[in-house]
Amino acid sequence: MHLRIFCTIFLLLSVCAFPVYFTLAIGIFAAVWFRNYYELIPLYFLNDMLYGAPLSHFFRFPYVMTVIAFVLVLGSIVVRKQVFENGQLGRI
């Protein structure tokens, strides 16, 4: 539990101080490492509020990191359910 809180605080500092790619890497690590890491969504929304700009690459949609957070959280839930909870890990 303490590691999850530390990771959330570090991710908050990462959103405020580090580049986007570093924040994205920490977010991927946290989504894979911790179960149901929903804290990622409001932190990435904060990132969009601070630094999000509507770019033409993303059809002028400013909340790209928030969408990435939803995809990461949902993807980690599905992968965790398929791999770890069904007992398929280690079976051929």
C-alpha atoms as a PDB file:
ATOM      1  CA  MET A   1       0.000   0.000   0.000  1.00  0.00           C
ATOM      2  CA  HIS A   2       2.841   2.378   0.799  1.00  0.00           C
ATOM      3  CA  LEU A   3       4.455   1.674  -2.559  1.00  0.00           C
ATOM      4  CA  ARG A   4       1.220   2.580  -4.364  1.00  0.00           C
ATOM      5  CA  ILE A   5       0.964   5.893  -2.499  1.00  0.00           C
ATOM      6  CA  PHE A   6       4.626   6.647  -3.199  1.00  0.00           C
ATOM      7  CA  CYS A   7       4.129   5.861  -6.885  1.00  0.00           C
ATOM      8  CA  THR A   8       1.059   8.124  -7.033  1.00  0.00           C
ATOM      9  CA  ILE A   9       2.950  11.008  -5.421  1.00  0.00           C
ATOM     10  CA  PHE A  10       5.898  10.433  -7.754  1.00  0.00           C
ATOM     11  CA  LEU A  11       3.533  10.395 -10.735  1.00  0.00           C
ATOM     12  CA  LEU A  12       1.996  13.673  -9.542  1.00  0.00           C
ATOM     13  CA  LEU A  13       5.460  15.230  -9.372  1.00  0.00           C
ATOM     14  CA  SER A  14       6.219  13.739 -12.764  1.00  0.00           C
ATOM     15  CA  VAL A  15       3.128  15.390 -14.258  1.00  0.00           C
ATOM     16  CA  CYS A  16       4.221  18.755 -12.887  1.00  0.00           C
ATOM     17  CA  ALA A  17       7.957  18.622 -13.530  1.00  0.00           C
ATOM     18  CA  PHE A  18       9.057  15.978 -16.042  1.00  0.00           C
ATOM     19  CA  PRO A  19       8.519  15.550 -19.786  1.00  0.00           C
ATOM     20  CA  VAL A  20       5.458  13.793 -21.148  1.00  0.00           C
ATOM     21  CA  TYR A  21       7.351  10.681 -22.240  1.00  0.00           C
ATOM     22  CA  PHE A  22       8.729  10.100 -18.749  1.00  0.00           C
ATOM     23  CA  THR A  23       5.259  10.570 -17.260  1.00  0.00           C
ATOM     24  CA  LEU A  24       3.828   8.145 -19.805  1.00  0.00           C
ATOM     25  CA  ALA A  25       6.476   5.538 -18.956  1.00  0.00           C
ATOM     26  CA  ILE A  26       5.782   5.840 -15.220  1.00  0.00           C
ATOM     27  CA  GLY A  27       2.040   5.590 -15.903  1.00  0.00           C
ATOM     28  CA  ILE A  28       2.481   2.407 -17.948  1.00  0.00           C
ATOM     29  CA  PHE A  29       4.618   0.913 -15.180  1.00  0.00           C
ATOM     30  CA  ALA A  30       2.038   1.808 -12.526  1.00  0.00           C
ATOM     31  CA  ALA A  31      -0.900   0.478 -14.570  1.00  0.00           C
ATOM     32  CA  VAL A  32       0.854  -2.850 -15.078  1.00  0.00           C
ATOM     33  CA  TRP A  33       2.334  -3.175 -11.603  1.00  0.00           C
ATOM     34  CA  PHE A  34      -0.685  -2.209  -9.465  1.00  0.00           C
ATOM     35  CA  ARG A  35      -4.141  -3.689  -9.631  1.00  0.00           C
ATOM     36  CA  ASN A  36      -6.888  -1.288 -10.811  1.00  0.00           C
ATOM     37  CA  TYR A  37      -4.697   1.807 -10.819  1.00  0.00           C
ATOM     38  CA  TYR A  38      -7.510   4.326 -11.332  1.00  0.00           C
ATOM     39  CA  GLU A  39      -5.376   7.163  -9.983  1.00  0.00           C
ATOM     40  CA  LEU A  40      -3.811   7.385 -13.425  1.00  0.00           C
ATOM     41  CA  ILE A  41      -6.926   8.922 -14.991  1.00  0.00           C
ATOM     42  CA  PRO A  42      -7.170  12.106 -12.857  1.00  0.00           C
ATOM     43  CA  LEU A  43      -3.399  12.574 -12.958  1.00  0.00           C
ATOM     44  CA  TYR A  44      -3.317  12.421 -16.740  1.00  0.00           C
ATOM     45  CA  PHE A  45      -6.338  14.727 -16.826  1.00  0.00           C
ATOM     46  CA  LEU A  46      -4.297  17.161 -14.725  1.00  0.00           C
ATOM     47  CA  ASN A  47      -1.526  16.807 -17.295  1.00  0.00           C
ATOM     48  CA  ASP A  48      -3.991  17.725 -20.028  1.00  0.00           C
ATOM     49  CA  MET A  49      -5.236  20.707 -18.044  1.00  0.00           C
ATOM     50  CA  LEU A  50      -1.689  21.984 -17.517  1.00  0.00           C
ATOM     51  CA  TYR A  51      -0.061  21.221 -20.859  1.00  0.00           C
ATOM     52  CA  GLY A  52      -2.732  19.962 -23.261  1.00  0.00           C
ATOM     53  CA  ALA A  53      -3.042  21.807 -26.518  1.00  0.00           C
ATOM     54  CA  PRO A  54      -5.321  20.945 -29.410  1.00  0.00           C
ATOM     55  CA  LEU A  55      -2.977  19.623 -32.100  1.00  0.00           C
ATOM     56  CA  SER A  56      -3.879  18.901 -35.673  1.00  0.00           C
ATOM     57  CA  HIS A  57      -2.337  15.401 -35.302  1.00  0.00           C
ATOM     58  CA  PHE A  58      -5.163  14.464 -32.953  1.00  0.00           C
ATOM     59  CA  PHE A  59      -8.002  16.265 -34.784  1.00  0.00           C
ATOM     60  CA  ARG A  60      -7.813  19.260 -32.413  1.00  0.00           C
ATOM     61  CA  PHE A  61      -8.696  17.081 -29.409  1.00  0.00           C
ATOM     62  CA  PRO A  62      -6.878  18.417 -26.300  1.00  0.00           C
ATOM     63  CA  TYR A  63      -7.441  15.453 -23.936  1.00  0.00           C
ATOM     64  CA  VAL A  64      -5.103  12.914 -25.504  1.00  0.00           C
ATOM     65  CA  MET A  65      -3.371  11.866 -22.266  1.00  0.00           C
ATOM     66  CA  THR A  66      -6.738  11.292 -20.568  1.00  0.00           C
ATOM     67  CA  VAL A  67      -7.789   8.950 -23.361  1.00  0.00           C
ATOM     68  CA  ILE A  68      -4.423   7.186 -23.081  1.00  0.00           C
ATOM     69  CA  ALA A  69      -5.032   6.768 -19.336  1.00  0.00           C
ATOM     70  CA  PHE A  70      -8.450   5.192 -19.961  1.00  0.00           C
ATOM     71  CA  VAL A  71      -6.944   2.797 -22.479  1.00  0.00           C
ATOM     72  CA  LEU A  72      -4.058   1.896 -20.139  1.00  0.00           C
ATOM     73  CA  VAL A  73      -6.328   1.239 -17.167  1.00  0.00           C
ATOM     74  CA  LEU A  74      -8.849  -0.786 -19.162  1.00  0.00           C
ATOM     75  CA  GLY A  75      -6.080  -2.684 -20.953  1.00  0.00           C
ATOM     76  CA  SER A  76      -4.326  -3.546 -17.706  1.00  0.00           C
ATOM     77  CA  ILE A  77      -7.612  -4.781 -16.209  1.00  0.00           C
ATOM     78  CA  VAL A  78      -8.274  -7.039 -19.202  1.00  0.00           C
ATOM     79  CA  VAL A  79      -4.713  -8.384 -19.320  1.00  0.00           C
ATOM     80  CA  ARG A  80      -4.649  -8.986 -15.592  1.00  0.00           C
ATOM     81  CA  LYS A  81      -7.967 -10.808 -15.717  1.00  0.00           C
ATOM     82  CA  GLN A  82      -6.928 -12.968 -18.688  1.00  0.00           C
ATOM     83  CA  VAL A  83      -3.431 -13.828 -17.525  1.00  0.00           C
ATOM     84  CA  PHE A  84      -3.264 -13.771 -13.758  1.00  0.00           C
ATOM     85  CA  GLU A  85      -6.758 -14.517 -12.478  1.00  0.00           C
ATOM     86  CA  ASN A  86      -7.613 -17.413 -14.790  1.00  0.00           C
ATOM     87  CA  GLY A  87      -4.544 -19.374 -13.758  1.00  0.00           C
ATOM     88  CA  GLN A  88      -3.196 -19.505 -17.304  1.00  0.00           C
ATOM     89  CA  LEU A  89       0.227 -18.189 -16.368  1.00  0.00           C
ATOM     90  CA  GLY A  90       2.796 -20.911 -16.963  1.00  0.00           C
ATOM     91  CA  ARG A  91       0.490 -23.257 -18.855  1.00  0.00           C
ATOM     92  CA  ILE A  92       1.060 -24.212 -22.475  1.00  0.00           C
END
